[in-house]
Amino acid sequence: MTTKVWGTLFQYSMEYAVYIPLALAIWLAQVPKNRRALLAVVVALMTHIWNLYLMKNRVSKWYSPEQMLWHGCVHYVSPYRYKEIHEGLAIIPDTSYVMAVSRLLPHLPPRPGRQFHIGYCDQVGEESPVCIDPRTEYITLLRGETNPWPVGVKDYEALIDYLSHSPKWQLIYDKDELLIFRRVISPNGAKLSQSTSGER
C-alpha cells in the first residue's frame, strides 16, 4: 500500500471496521444492564461527533472534502453533465483498452481487464508525466477535475497538456468537459490504423 492511499479513508482499516466494534460489544456485555443502554447511546453519539470532526479536519493533501461530507449539499452535486458524458463515452469501442480518471470509470461499460486508473500500470510505455499502460488505446479525462486520484492535480493537468501535444495521441472528443484521446502511434513506433483504434 502506498502513502497516497494509506489511512482510515482507505476501505476502512481493519482496526476501525472490525476490532473496535467487537471490543465495544464485549465491554458492554460486562456492564450492568441498567447502564448498558445509556453507555451504548453515549458511545454512538461520541462516534458520530468524532466522525464529523474528522471529515472536516484532515491533513492529508489527497483528502477531498466534497466526497466525504455526506451531510452537505456539495456532496450530492456534480459539476459534470453525465447524460452528455455517456454519449461521448459511447464512441469508444467495447473491446478497447481504456485508461480513465477515477470519476469516469463507473460510467464506462464493463471491460474486465481492459480498464485502468490513470497512473496505474506495470510498465512505462512512453515518456509522460503520468504512467500510461502500453496497452492503452483510449484515455478519457475531465476538464477541471479537482480529485484525479491516484495522481495529483498538477500531474493530471500535465498529462492533459502532454496528450494534447503528443504525436502519439489524437484528441477525438472535446465536449461537455469530457476529453477522449485515441492512440495513433503504438509504443513501438508503429502507426495505428483507424480500424485498430478508431471511433465507431
Protein backbone atom coordinates (compact mmCIF):
# COMPACT_ATOMS: atom_id res chain seq x y z
CA MET A 1 0.00 0.00 0.00
CA THR A 2 1.42 3.39 -0.96
CA THR A 3 1.36 6.59 1.09
CA LYS A 4 -1.15 8.02 -1.41
CA VAL A 5 -3.90 5.71 -0.19
CA TRP A 6 -2.80 4.85 3.36
CA GLY A 7 -5.07 5.90 6.21
CA THR A 8 -8.51 5.49 7.75
CA LEU A 9 -10.15 6.52 4.48
CA PHE A 10 -8.79 3.54 2.53
CA GLN A 11 -11.62 0.96 2.51
CA TYR A 12 -11.97 1.25 6.31
CA SER A 13 -8.85 -0.01 8.07
CA MET A 14 -9.29 -3.42 9.72
CA GLU A 15 -8.77 -1.94 13.18
CA TYR A 16 -11.61 0.52 12.77
CA ALA A 17 -14.14 -1.66 10.96
CA VAL A 18 -13.85 -4.87 12.99
CA TYR A 19 -11.76 -4.89 16.12
CA ILE A 20 -13.01 -1.74 17.81
CA PRO A 21 -16.76 -2.53 17.42
CA LEU A 22 -16.12 -6.09 18.66
CA ALA A 23 -14.19 -4.79 21.66
CA LEU A 24 -17.02 -2.35 22.40
CA ALA A 25 -19.64 -5.12 22.25
CA ILE A 26 -17.59 -7.32 24.59
CA TRP A 27 -17.11 -4.44 27.01
CA LEU A 28 -20.81 -3.52 27.01
CA ALA A 29 -21.71 -7.14 27.74
CA GLN A 30 -19.78 -6.84 31.02
CA VAL A 31 -21.52 -3.62 32.06
CA PRO A 32 -24.59 -3.86 34.34
CA LYS A 33 -27.81 -3.98 32.30
CA ASN A 34 -29.20 -0.80 33.83
CA ARG A 35 -26.23 1.18 32.43
CA ARG A 36 -25.71 -0.72 29.16
CA ALA A 37 -28.27 1.15 27.03
CA LEU A 38 -27.12 4.56 28.24
CA LEU A 39 -23.45 3.79 27.54
CA ALA A 40 -24.30 2.44 24.08
CA VAL A 41 -26.13 5.68 23.20
CA VAL A 42 -23.28 7.83 24.56
CA VAL A 43 -20.66 5.88 22.60
CA ALA A 44 -22.73 6.08 19.38
CA LEU A 45 -23.18 9.85 19.83
CA MET A 46 -19.48 10.42 20.52
CA THR A 47 -18.56 8.31 17.50
CA HIS A 48 -20.75 10.43 15.21
CA ILE A 49 -19.32 13.66 16.64
CA TRP A 50 -15.76 12.38 16.15
CA ASN A 51 -16.52 11.31 12.59
CA LEU A 52 -17.94 14.74 11.77
CA TYR A 53 -14.80 16.33 13.19
CA LEU A 54 -12.51 14.06 11.16
CA MET A 55 -14.41 14.77 7.95
CA LYS A 56 -13.78 18.49 8.36
CA ASN A 57 -10.27 18.36 9.79
CA ARG A 58 -7.95 16.26 7.64
CA VAL A 59 -4.27 16.94 6.99
CA SER A 60 -3.91 14.58 4.01
CA LYS A 61 -3.37 16.52 0.78
CA TRP A 62 -5.26 13.77 -1.07
CA TYR A 63 -8.40 14.28 1.03
CA SER A 64 -11.38 15.60 -0.91
CA PRO A 65 -13.99 17.12 1.48
CA GLU A 66 -16.77 17.26 -1.13
CA GLN A 67 -16.57 13.48 -1.49
CA MET A 68 -16.79 12.75 2.24
CA LEU A 69 -19.09 15.42 3.70
CA TRP A 70 -22.33 13.49 3.19
CA HIS A 71 -24.29 15.97 5.32
CA GLY A 72 -23.60 18.86 2.91
CA CYS A 73 -25.26 19.66 -0.43
CA VAL A 74 -21.91 19.81 -2.24
CA HIS A 75 -21.54 16.06 -1.70
CA TYR A 76 -24.55 15.38 -3.97
CA VAL A 77 -23.92 17.97 -6.67
CA SER A 78 -21.65 17.16 -9.62
CA PRO A 79 -20.06 19.78 -11.87
CA TYR A 80 -20.43 17.41 -14.82
CA ARG A 81 -23.42 16.54 -17.00
CA TYR A 82 -23.27 12.76 -17.10
CA LYS A 83 -26.02 12.28 -19.66
CA GLU A 84 -23.91 14.11 -22.24
CA ILE A 85 -20.74 12.42 -20.99
CA HIS A 86 -22.32 8.99 -21.57
CA GLU A 87 -22.99 9.99 -25.17
CA GLY A 88 -19.33 10.88 -25.61
CA LEU A 89 -18.05 7.69 -23.98
CA ALA A 90 -20.21 5.66 -26.37
CA ILE A 91 -17.79 6.33 -29.25
CA ILE A 92 -15.16 4.08 -27.63
CA PRO A 93 -15.29 0.51 -28.99
CA ASP A 94 -16.30 -2.07 -26.39
CA THR A 95 -13.17 -4.17 -26.96
CA SER A 96 -10.71 -1.30 -26.44
CA TYR A 97 -8.24 -0.88 -23.60
CA VAL A 98 -9.22 2.32 -21.79
CA MET A 99 -7.42 4.37 -19.17
CA ALA A 100 -9.67 6.85 -17.34
CA VAL A 101 -9.81 9.25 -14.45
CA SER A 102 -11.46 7.51 -11.48
CA ARG A 103 -14.64 9.62 -11.68
CA LEU A 104 -15.33 8.22 -15.16
CA LEU A 105 -14.63 4.53 -14.55
CA PRO A 106 -18.13 3.72 -13.17
CA HIS A 107 -19.66 5.26 -16.31
CA LEU A 108 -17.75 3.07 -18.76
CA PRO A 109 -19.22 -0.25 -19.95
CA PRO A 110 -17.68 -3.23 -18.13
CA ARG A 111 -14.39 -4.24 -19.74
CA PRO A 112 -12.79 -6.87 -17.45
CA GLY A 113 -9.03 -6.44 -17.59
CA ARG A 114 -9.29 -3.62 -20.13
CA GLN A 115 -9.91 -0.60 -17.87
CA PHE A 116 -7.29 1.17 -15.77
CA HIS A 117 -6.98 4.14 -13.44
CA ILE A 118 -4.71 6.83 -14.82
CA GLY A 119 -1.27 6.43 -13.30
CA TYR A 120 -1.66 2.70 -12.57
CA CYS A 121 0.43 0.47 -14.82
CA ASP A 122 3.08 -2.24 -14.54
CA GLN A 123 5.43 -0.88 -17.17
CA VAL A 124 6.09 2.53 -18.65
CA GLY A 125 5.15 2.66 -22.31
CA GLU A 126 6.19 6.20 -23.19
CA GLU A 127 7.55 9.47 -21.83
CA SER A 128 4.64 11.02 -19.98
CA PRO A 129 4.15 12.94 -16.71
CA VAL A 130 1.80 10.10 -15.68
CA CYS A 131 2.42 6.41 -16.31
CA ILE A 132 0.43 5.15 -19.33
CA ASP A 133 -0.07 1.42 -19.73
CA PRO A 134 1.36 0.45 -23.15
CA ARG A 135 -1.85 -1.49 -23.94
CA THR A 136 -3.98 1.65 -23.61
CA GLU A 137 -5.86 2.60 -26.78
CA TYR A 138 -8.06 5.38 -25.36
CA ILE A 139 -7.67 7.80 -22.47
CA THR A 140 -10.73 9.58 -21.07
CA LEU A 141 -10.29 12.63 -18.87
CA LEU A 142 -12.36 15.50 -17.47
CA ARG A 143 -11.52 19.17 -17.60
CA GLY A 144 -11.39 20.88 -14.22
CA GLU A 145 -11.11 17.62 -12.25
CA THR A 146 -10.17 18.52 -8.67
CA ASN A 147 -9.64 14.98 -7.41
CA PRO A 148 -7.88 12.95 -10.12
CA TRP A 149 -6.91 10.14 -7.76
CA PRO A 150 -4.45 8.40 -7.70
CA VAL A 151 -2.40 11.22 -9.29
CA GLY A 152 -2.13 14.81 -8.14
CA VAL A 153 -3.80 17.77 -9.82
CA LYS A 154 -0.52 19.12 -11.25
CA ASP A 155 0.39 15.77 -12.78
CA TYR A 156 -3.15 15.44 -14.12
CA GLU A 157 -3.04 18.82 -15.83
CA ALA A 158 0.43 17.98 -17.17
CA LEU A 159 -0.99 14.74 -18.61
CA ILE A 160 -3.71 16.64 -20.48
CA ASP A 161 -1.08 19.01 -21.88
CA TYR A 162 1.15 16.10 -22.88
CA LEU A 163 -1.63 14.20 -24.66
CA SER A 164 -2.79 17.37 -26.42
CA HIS A 165 0.65 17.95 -27.97
CA SER A 166 1.95 14.40 -28.36
CA PRO A 167 2.08 12.98 -31.91
CA LYS A 168 1.24 9.58 -30.38
CA TRP A 169 -2.22 10.69 -29.31
CA GLN A 170 -5.13 12.38 -31.05
CA LEU A 171 -7.92 14.31 -29.35
CA ILE A 172 -11.10 12.87 -30.87
CA TYR A 173 -13.69 14.30 -28.45
CA ASP A 174 -13.80 17.59 -26.55
CA LYS A 175 -17.27 18.45 -25.35
CA ASP A 176 -19.11 18.93 -22.03
CA GLU A 177 -15.76 18.88 -20.15
CA LEU A 178 -15.05 15.36 -21.48
CA LEU A 179 -11.78 14.69 -23.29
CA ILE A 180 -11.15 11.47 -25.22
CA PHE A 181 -7.72 10.77 -26.65
CA ARG A 182 -7.03 7.93 -29.10
CA ARG A 183 -3.61 6.36 -29.55
CA VAL A 184 -2.37 6.82 -33.12
CA ILE A 185 1.23 5.58 -32.68
CA SER A 186 1.95 2.40 -30.73
CA PRO A 187 4.69 2.24 -28.05
CA ASN A 188 6.99 0.53 -30.57
CA GLY A 189 6.59 3.43 -33.01
CA ALA A 190 4.18 1.82 -35.48
CA LYS A 191 1.35 3.95 -36.81
CA LEU A 192 -2.07 2.56 -35.90
CA SER A 193 -4.87 2.42 -38.43
CA GLN A 194 -8.27 3.87 -37.61
CA SER A 195 -9.80 0.40 -37.81
CA THR A 196 -7.49 -0.74 -34.98
CA SER A 197 -8.16 2.03 -32.54
CA GLY A 198 -10.71 4.23 -34.18
CA GLU A 199 -14.06 5.71 -33.37
CA ARG A 200 -17.28 3.93 -34.04
